[in-house]
Amino acid sequence: MIPRGGVGCIISTASVAGVMGGLGPHAYTASKHAIVGLTKNTACELGRFGIKVNCISPFGVATPMLVNAWRSDDEEDDESPEQVEKTEEFVRGLANLKGPTSRAKDIAEAALYLASDESKYVRGHNLVVDGGITTSRNYVSL
């Protein structure tokens, strides 16, 4: 990006586990904290070239990976509409914001904002898309 005149945008995906502890296994949590730190440092290094660097930290979105990670040990891998709804219901119950369901489209829209000209002055930011999870509680038992 630098040789091309410094125009560019880097968006990484972290997690709410990179914002607070107790939301996942230690290796996962450490890697997500690393992404947030790398985002901030890279934004410092590349900002003088006009390159935007930010990241997004979502909470639970009922993707196949999450549906299977949060299923009971006695359940087989199952990405059925019923399992997706069960996962979405669980996430809605944890969120501080009541009503909406977190979906992949919400994370995509956050990325579109960070990539757009509307965020021209946003650098080194970790955009948390979590329904208020990180503002209200620490769920150690996840």
N, C-alpha and C. Protein backbone atom coordinates (compact mmCIF):
# COMPACT_ATOMS: atom_id res chain seq x y z
N MET A 1 0.82 -1.20 0.00
CA MET A 1 0.00 0.00 0.00
C MET A 1 0.86 1.25 0.00
N ILE A 2 1.98 1.19 0.69
CA ILE A 2 2.86 2.37 0.75
C ILE A 2 3.41 2.69 -0.64
N PRO A 3 3.94 1.70 -1.39
CA PRO A 3 4.45 2.01 -2.72
C PRO A 3 3.38 2.54 -3.69
N ARG A 4 2.12 2.24 -3.42
CA ARG A 4 1.04 2.70 -4.29
C ARG A 4 0.51 4.07 -3.87
N GLY A 5 1.22 4.75 -3.02
CA GLY A 5 0.82 6.09 -2.63
C GLY A 5 0.13 6.16 -1.29
N GLY A 6 0.13 5.08 -0.55
CA GLY A 6 -0.41 5.10 0.80
C GLY A 6 -1.91 5.08 0.91
N VAL A 7 -2.59 4.84 -0.16
CA VAL A 7 -4.05 4.74 -0.06
C VAL A 7 -4.40 3.30 0.25
N GLY A 8 -5.20 3.12 1.29
CA GLY A 8 -5.60 1.76 1.61
C GLY A 8 -6.30 1.69 2.94
N CYS A 9 -6.81 0.49 3.20
CA CYS A 9 -7.57 0.26 4.42
C CYS A 9 -7.35 -1.19 4.85
N ILE A 10 -6.99 -1.37 6.10
CA ILE A 10 -6.82 -2.71 6.67
C ILE A 10 -7.85 -2.86 7.78
N ILE A 11 -8.64 -3.91 7.69
CA ILE A 11 -9.64 -4.21 8.72
C ILE A 11 -9.42 -5.65 9.17
N SER A 12 -9.18 -5.82 10.45
CA SER A 12 -9.00 -7.16 11.02
C SER A 12 -10.22 -7.54 11.84
N THR A 13 -10.37 -8.83 12.05
CA THR A 13 -11.45 -9.30 12.90
C THR A 13 -10.86 -9.83 14.19
N ALA A 14 -11.25 -9.22 15.28
CA ALA A 14 -10.84 -9.68 16.61
C ALA A 14 -12.06 -10.34 17.24
N SER A 15 -12.36 -10.03 18.46
CA SER A 15 -13.48 -10.62 19.18
C SER A 15 -13.67 -9.86 20.48
N VAL A 16 -14.83 -9.99 21.09
CA VAL A 16 -15.02 -9.42 22.41
C VAL A 16 -14.04 -10.06 23.40
N ALA A 17 -13.54 -11.24 23.08
CA ALA A 17 -12.52 -11.88 23.92
C ALA A 17 -11.22 -11.09 23.89
N GLY A 18 -11.06 -10.18 22.93
CA GLY A 18 -9.91 -9.31 22.88
C GLY A 18 -10.13 -8.01 23.65
N VAL A 19 -11.31 -7.86 24.23
CA VAL A 19 -11.65 -6.66 24.98
C VAL A 19 -11.64 -6.95 26.48
N MET A 20 -12.07 -8.15 26.83
CA MET A 20 -12.13 -8.52 28.25
C MET A 20 -11.84 -10.01 28.40
N GLY A 21 -11.42 -10.39 29.56
CA GLY A 21 -11.11 -11.79 29.82
C GLY A 21 -12.35 -12.59 30.19
N GLY A 22 -12.20 -13.89 30.22
CA GLY A 22 -13.26 -14.78 30.67
C GLY A 22 -14.28 -15.14 29.62
N LEU A 23 -14.00 -14.82 28.36
CA LEU A 23 -14.98 -15.10 27.31
C LEU A 23 -14.55 -16.22 26.37
N GLY A 24 -13.46 -16.87 26.67
CA GLY A 24 -13.01 -17.96 25.82
C GLY A 24 -11.75 -18.57 26.38
N PRO A 25 -11.27 -19.63 25.75
CA PRO A 25 -10.01 -20.26 26.19
C PRO A 25 -8.85 -19.27 26.10
N HIS A 26 -7.82 -19.49 26.91
CA HIS A 26 -6.73 -18.52 26.99
C HIS A 26 -6.00 -18.31 25.67
N ALA A 27 -5.80 -19.34 24.88
CA ALA A 27 -5.10 -19.17 23.61
C ALA A 27 -5.92 -18.31 22.65
N TYR A 28 -7.22 -18.53 22.60
CA TYR A 28 -8.11 -17.73 21.75
C TYR A 28 -8.11 -16.29 22.23
N THR A 29 -8.24 -16.09 23.54
CA THR A 29 -8.28 -14.75 24.12
C THR A 29 -6.97 -14.01 23.85
N ALA A 30 -5.86 -14.67 24.02
CA ALA A 30 -4.56 -14.04 23.77
C ALA A 30 -4.44 -13.63 22.31
N SER A 31 -4.88 -14.47 21.39
CA SER A 31 -4.78 -14.13 19.97
C SER A 31 -5.66 -12.94 19.62
N LYS A 32 -6.81 -12.82 20.24
CA LYS A 32 -7.71 -11.71 19.95
C LYS A 32 -7.20 -10.41 20.58
N HIS A 33 -6.60 -10.48 21.77
CA HIS A 33 -5.94 -9.31 22.35
C HIS A 33 -4.79 -8.87 21.44
N ALA A 34 -4.08 -9.82 20.87
CA ALA A 34 -2.97 -9.50 19.97
C ALA A 34 -3.45 -8.75 18.74
N ILE A 35 -4.59 -9.14 18.19
CA ILE A 35 -5.13 -8.45 17.02
C ILE A 35 -5.46 -7.00 17.35
N VAL A 36 -6.08 -6.79 18.51
CA VAL A 36 -6.41 -5.41 18.92
C VAL A 36 -5.13 -4.59 19.08
N GLY A 37 -4.13 -5.13 19.74
CA GLY A 37 -2.86 -4.43 19.91
C GLY A 37 -2.15 -4.17 18.60
N LEU A 38 -2.13 -5.17 17.74
CA LEU A 38 -1.51 -5.02 16.42
C LEU A 38 -2.22 -3.95 15.60
N THR A 39 -3.53 -3.90 15.72
CA THR A 39 -4.31 -2.88 15.00
C THR A 39 -3.90 -1.49 15.45
N LYS A 40 -3.81 -1.28 16.75
CA LYS A 40 -3.45 0.04 17.27
C LYS A 40 -2.03 0.42 16.86
N ASN A 41 -1.10 -0.50 16.97
CA ASN A 41 0.28 -0.19 16.62
C ASN A 41 0.46 0.02 15.12
N THR A 42 -0.18 -0.80 14.32
CA THR A 42 -0.07 -0.66 12.87
C THR A 42 -0.71 0.64 12.41
N ALA A 43 -1.79 1.04 13.07
CA ALA A 43 -2.41 2.33 12.74
C ALA A 43 -1.43 3.47 12.99
N CYS A 44 -0.65 3.38 14.06
CA CYS A 44 0.36 4.40 14.35
C CYS A 44 1.44 4.42 13.26
N GLU A 45 1.89 3.25 12.86
CA GLU A 45 2.96 3.17 11.88
C GLU A 45 2.52 3.58 10.48
N LEU A 46 1.29 3.21 10.10
CA LEU A 46 0.84 3.44 8.71
C LEU A 46 0.00 4.69 8.52
N GLY A 47 -0.41 5.32 9.62
CA GLY A 47 -1.24 6.51 9.52
C GLY A 47 -0.57 7.64 8.75
N ARG A 48 0.74 7.77 8.92
CA ARG A 48 1.46 8.86 8.22
C ARG A 48 1.47 8.67 6.70
N PHE A 49 1.12 7.46 6.27
CA PHE A 49 1.04 7.18 4.83
C PHE A 49 -0.40 7.25 4.32
N GLY A 50 -1.33 7.58 5.22
CA GLY A 50 -2.74 7.69 4.82
C GLY A 50 -3.48 6.36 4.81
N ILE A 51 -2.91 5.34 5.41
CA ILE A 51 -3.55 4.01 5.42
C ILE A 51 -4.36 3.87 6.70
N LYS A 52 -5.63 3.55 6.54
CA LYS A 52 -6.52 3.32 7.68
C LYS A 52 -6.34 1.89 8.18
N VAL A 53 -6.21 1.73 9.49
CA VAL A 53 -6.11 0.41 10.10
C VAL A 53 -7.06 0.37 11.29
N ASN A 54 -8.01 -0.55 11.26
CA ASN A 54 -9.00 -0.72 12.32
C ASN A 54 -9.33 -2.20 12.46
N CYS A 55 -10.09 -2.54 13.49
CA CYS A 55 -10.56 -3.92 13.62
C CYS A 55 -11.99 -3.93 14.17
N ILE A 56 -12.61 -5.08 14.04
CA ILE A 56 -13.97 -5.30 14.52
C ILE A 56 -13.94 -6.43 15.52
N SER A 57 -14.65 -6.24 16.64
CA SER A 57 -14.75 -7.28 17.67
C SER A 57 -16.21 -7.67 17.87
N PRO A 58 -16.65 -8.71 17.19
CA PRO A 58 -18.03 -9.16 17.38
C PRO A 58 -18.17 -10.08 18.58
N PHE A 59 -19.41 -10.18 19.06
CA PHE A 59 -19.77 -11.22 20.01
C PHE A 59 -20.42 -12.32 19.17
N GLY A 60 -21.18 -13.18 19.78
CA GLY A 60 -21.72 -14.36 19.13
C GLY A 60 -22.61 -14.11 17.93
N VAL A 61 -22.18 -14.62 16.79
CA VAL A 61 -22.99 -14.65 15.58
C VAL A 61 -23.15 -16.13 15.25
N ALA A 62 -24.37 -16.55 15.00
CA ALA A 62 -24.66 -17.98 14.82
C ALA A 62 -24.14 -18.51 13.48
N THR A 63 -22.83 -18.48 13.34
CA THR A 63 -22.17 -19.09 12.18
C THR A 63 -22.03 -20.58 12.46
N PRO A 64 -21.76 -21.39 11.44
CA PRO A 64 -21.55 -22.82 11.69
C PRO A 64 -20.49 -23.10 12.75
N MET A 65 -19.42 -22.31 12.76
CA MET A 65 -18.36 -22.52 13.76
C MET A 65 -18.89 -22.32 15.18
N LEU A 66 -19.64 -21.25 15.40
CA LEU A 66 -20.16 -20.97 16.75
C LEU A 66 -21.25 -21.96 17.13
N VAL A 67 -22.14 -22.27 16.21
CA VAL A 67 -23.21 -23.22 16.51
C VAL A 67 -22.62 -24.54 16.99
N ASN A 68 -21.60 -25.03 16.31
CA ASN A 68 -20.99 -26.30 16.71
C ASN A 68 -20.11 -26.16 17.95
N ALA A 69 -19.51 -25.00 18.18
CA ALA A 69 -18.68 -24.81 19.37
C ALA A 69 -19.53 -24.77 20.64
N TRP A 70 -20.73 -24.22 20.55
CA TRP A 70 -21.58 -24.06 21.73
C TRP A 70 -22.60 -25.18 21.90
N ARG A 71 -22.55 -26.18 21.06
CA ARG A 71 -23.51 -27.28 21.21
C ARG A 71 -23.11 -28.16 22.39
N SER A 72 -24.04 -28.92 22.89
CA SER A 72 -23.76 -29.84 24.00
C SER A 72 -22.85 -30.95 23.52
N ASP A 73 -22.09 -31.53 24.44
CA ASP A 73 -21.19 -32.62 24.07
C ASP A 73 -21.93 -33.83 23.52
N ASP A 74 -23.17 -34.02 23.93
CA ASP A 74 -23.94 -35.18 23.46
C ASP A 74 -24.63 -34.93 22.13
N GLU A 75 -24.54 -33.71 21.58
CA GLU A 75 -25.15 -33.40 20.29
C GLU A 75 -24.12 -33.56 19.18
N GLU A 76 -24.59 -34.03 18.03
CA GLU A 76 -23.71 -34.13 16.86
C GLU A 76 -23.60 -32.77 16.20
N ASP A 77 -22.56 -32.62 15.34
CA ASP A 77 -22.47 -31.38 14.58
C ASP A 77 -23.79 -31.15 13.87
N ASP A 78 -24.37 -29.99 14.09
CA ASP A 78 -25.70 -29.73 13.55
C ASP A 78 -25.84 -28.25 13.28
N GLU A 79 -26.00 -27.90 12.02
CA GLU A 79 -26.19 -26.50 11.64
C GLU A 79 -27.61 -26.29 11.15
N SER A 80 -28.53 -27.06 11.68
CA SER A 80 -29.93 -26.96 11.27
C SER A 80 -30.51 -25.61 11.69
N PRO A 81 -31.60 -25.21 11.06
CA PRO A 81 -32.25 -23.96 11.48
C PRO A 81 -32.60 -23.96 12.98
N GLU A 82 -32.92 -25.11 13.53
CA GLU A 82 -33.25 -25.19 14.95
C GLU A 82 -32.03 -24.89 15.82
N GLN A 83 -30.87 -25.44 15.43
CA GLN A 83 -29.64 -25.19 16.19
C GLN A 83 -29.19 -23.74 16.06
N VAL A 84 -29.36 -23.18 14.86
CA VAL A 84 -29.02 -21.77 14.65
C VAL A 84 -29.90 -20.90 15.54
N GLU A 85 -31.20 -21.17 15.58
CA GLU A 85 -32.12 -20.39 16.42
C GLU A 85 -31.79 -20.56 17.90
N LYS A 86 -31.42 -21.76 18.30
CA LYS A 86 -31.04 -22.00 19.69
C LYS A 86 -29.81 -21.16 20.07
N THR A 87 -28.84 -21.10 19.17
CA THR A 87 -27.64 -20.30 19.40
C THR A 87 -27.98 -18.82 19.44
N GLU A 88 -28.80 -18.36 18.49
CA GLU A 88 -29.21 -16.95 18.47
C GLU A 88 -29.98 -16.58 19.73
N GLU A 89 -30.82 -17.46 20.19
CA GLU A 89 -31.58 -17.20 21.41
C GLU A 89 -30.65 -17.08 22.62
N PHE A 90 -29.65 -17.94 22.67
CA PHE A 90 -28.67 -17.88 23.76
C PHE A 90 -27.93 -16.55 23.74
N VAL A 91 -27.48 -16.13 22.56
CA VAL A 91 -26.75 -14.86 22.42
C VAL A 91 -27.65 -13.69 22.81
N ARG A 92 -28.89 -13.70 22.34
CA ARG A 92 -29.83 -12.63 22.70
C ARG A 92 -30.02 -12.54 24.21
N GLY A 93 -30.04 -13.68 24.87
CA GLY A 93 -30.21 -13.71 26.33
C GLY A 93 -29.03 -13.12 27.08
N LEU A 94 -27.84 -13.17 26.49
CA LEU A 94 -26.64 -12.63 27.14
C LEU A 94 -26.47 -11.14 26.89
N ALA A 95 -26.98 -10.69 25.77
CA ALA A 95 -26.77 -9.28 25.39
C ALA A 95 -27.50 -8.33 26.33
N ASN A 96 -26.89 -7.18 26.53
CA ASN A 96 -27.51 -6.11 27.31
C ASN A 96 -28.63 -5.47 26.49
N LEU A 97 -28.42 -5.36 25.18
CA LEU A 97 -29.40 -4.80 24.26
C LEU A 97 -30.44 -5.86 23.95
N LYS A 98 -31.64 -5.65 24.36
CA LYS A 98 -32.69 -6.65 24.14
C LYS A 98 -33.42 -6.41 22.83
N GLY A 99 -33.74 -7.48 22.15
CA GLY A 99 -34.51 -7.40 20.91
C GLY A 99 -33.78 -7.90 19.70
N PRO A 100 -32.79 -7.15 19.18
CA PRO A 100 -32.14 -7.55 17.93
C PRO A 100 -31.32 -8.83 18.07
N THR A 101 -31.13 -9.48 16.96
CA THR A 101 -30.29 -10.67 16.89
C THR A 101 -29.03 -10.32 16.11
N SER A 102 -27.88 -10.67 16.63
CA SER A 102 -26.61 -10.44 15.96
C SER A 102 -26.48 -11.40 14.78
N ARG A 103 -26.25 -10.83 13.62
CA ARG A 103 -26.12 -11.64 12.41
C ARG A 103 -24.84 -11.24 11.67
N ALA A 104 -24.40 -12.10 10.77
CA ALA A 104 -23.18 -11.83 10.00
C ALA A 104 -23.29 -10.51 9.24
N LYS A 105 -24.49 -10.16 8.80
CA LYS A 105 -24.70 -8.91 8.07
C LYS A 105 -24.31 -7.70 8.94
N ASP A 106 -24.54 -7.78 10.24
CA ASP A 106 -24.18 -6.67 11.13
C ASP A 106 -22.67 -6.45 11.15
N ILE A 107 -21.92 -7.53 11.12
CA ILE A 107 -20.46 -7.43 11.12
C ILE A 107 -19.99 -6.90 9.76
N ALA A 108 -20.62 -7.37 8.69
CA ALA A 108 -20.29 -6.89 7.35
C ALA A 108 -20.56 -5.39 7.23
N GLU A 109 -21.66 -4.92 7.80
CA GLU A 109 -21.97 -3.49 7.75
C GLU A 109 -20.97 -2.66 8.55
N ALA A 110 -20.49 -3.21 9.66
CA ALA A 110 -19.44 -2.53 10.42
C ALA A 110 -18.17 -2.41 9.59
N ALA A 111 -17.83 -3.48 8.87
CA ALA A 111 -16.65 -3.46 8.00
C ALA A 111 -16.84 -2.46 6.86
N LEU A 112 -18.02 -2.41 6.30
CA LEU A 112 -18.29 -1.43 5.23
C LEU A 112 -18.10 0.00 5.74
N TYR A 113 -18.58 0.26 6.96
CA TYR A 113 -18.38 1.59 7.54
C TYR A 113 -16.89 1.89 7.67
N LEU A 114 -16.13 0.97 8.23
CA LEU A 114 -14.70 1.21 8.43
C LEU A 114 -13.95 1.36 7.11
N ALA A 115 -14.44 0.73 6.05
CA ALA A 115 -13.80 0.84 4.74
C ALA A 115 -14.24 2.08 3.98
N SER A 116 -15.33 2.71 4.41
CA SER A 116 -15.90 3.84 3.67
C SER A 116 -15.24 5.17 4.00
N ASP A 117 -15.57 6.17 3.20
CA ASP A 117 -15.09 7.52 3.45
C ASP A 117 -15.72 8.13 4.70
N GLU A 118 -16.85 7.58 5.16
CA GLU A 118 -17.47 8.10 6.38
C GLU A 118 -16.57 7.90 7.60
N SER A 119 -15.65 6.96 7.52
CA SER A 119 -14.74 6.72 8.65
C SER A 119 -13.34 7.26 8.35
N LYS A 120 -13.28 8.30 7.54
CA LYS A 120 -11.98 8.82 7.09
C LYS A 120 -11.05 9.26 8.22
N TYR A 121 -11.61 9.56 9.39
CA TYR A 121 -10.79 10.02 10.51
C TYR A 121 -10.75 8.99 11.64
N VAL A 122 -11.14 7.77 11.36
CA VAL A 122 -11.14 6.68 12.35
C VAL A 122 -9.90 5.83 12.11
N ARG A 123 -9.01 5.80 13.10
CA ARG A 123 -7.75 5.06 12.98
C ARG A 123 -7.47 4.31 14.27
N GLY A 124 -7.02 3.08 14.16
CA GLY A 124 -6.63 2.30 15.33
C GLY A 124 -7.79 1.95 16.23
N HIS A 125 -8.98 1.93 15.66
CA HIS A 125 -10.19 1.71 16.46
C HIS A 125 -10.59 0.23 16.45
N ASN A 126 -11.07 -0.21 17.59
CA ASN A 126 -11.64 -1.55 17.71
C ASN A 126 -13.15 -1.37 17.82
N LEU A 127 -13.85 -1.58 16.72
CA LEU A 127 -15.30 -1.40 16.69
C LEU A 127 -15.97 -2.64 17.27
N VAL A 128 -16.49 -2.52 18.48
CA VAL A 128 -17.09 -3.64 19.19
C VAL A 128 -18.57 -3.73 18.78
N VAL A 129 -18.96 -4.88 18.26
CA VAL A 129 -20.34 -5.13 17.83
C VAL A 129 -20.84 -6.29 18.68
N ASP A 130 -21.39 -5.95 19.86
CA ASP A 130 -21.64 -7.00 20.84
C ASP A 130 -22.96 -6.90 21.60
N GLY A 131 -23.83 -6.00 21.23
CA GLY A 131 -25.09 -5.88 21.96
C GLY A 131 -24.93 -5.48 23.41
N GLY A 132 -23.79 -4.92 23.76
CA GLY A 132 -23.55 -4.43 25.11
C GLY A 132 -22.89 -5.43 26.05
N ILE A 133 -22.46 -6.57 25.55
CA ILE A 133 -21.83 -7.59 26.41
C ILE A 133 -20.65 -7.02 27.18
N THR A 134 -19.76 -6.31 26.51
CA THR A 134 -18.54 -5.83 27.17
C THR A 134 -18.79 -4.63 28.07
N THR A 135 -19.96 -4.03 28.01
CA THR A 135 -20.24 -2.89 28.87
C THR A 135 -20.94 -3.28 30.15
N SER A 136 -21.38 -4.53 30.23
CA SER A 136 -22.26 -4.86 31.34
C SER A 136 -21.83 -6.01 32.23
N ARG A 137 -21.27 -7.08 31.66
CA ARG A 137 -20.99 -8.26 32.47
C ARG A 137 -19.79 -9.02 31.94
N ASN A 138 -19.28 -9.87 32.78
CA ASN A 138 -18.22 -10.79 32.39
C ASN A 138 -18.77 -12.20 32.59
N TYR A 139 -18.95 -12.92 31.51
CA TYR A 139 -19.51 -14.27 31.57
C TYR A 139 -18.40 -15.30 31.60
N VAL A 140 -17.91 -15.58 32.78
CA VAL A 140 -16.80 -16.51 32.94
C VAL A 140 -17.19 -17.91 32.50
N SER A 141 -18.44 -18.25 32.64
CA SER A 141 -18.86 -19.63 32.40
C SER A 141 -19.13 -19.96 30.94
N LEU A 142 -18.82 -19.05 30.00
CA LEU A 142 -19.04 -19.38 28.59
C LEU A 142 -18.14 -20.50 28.25
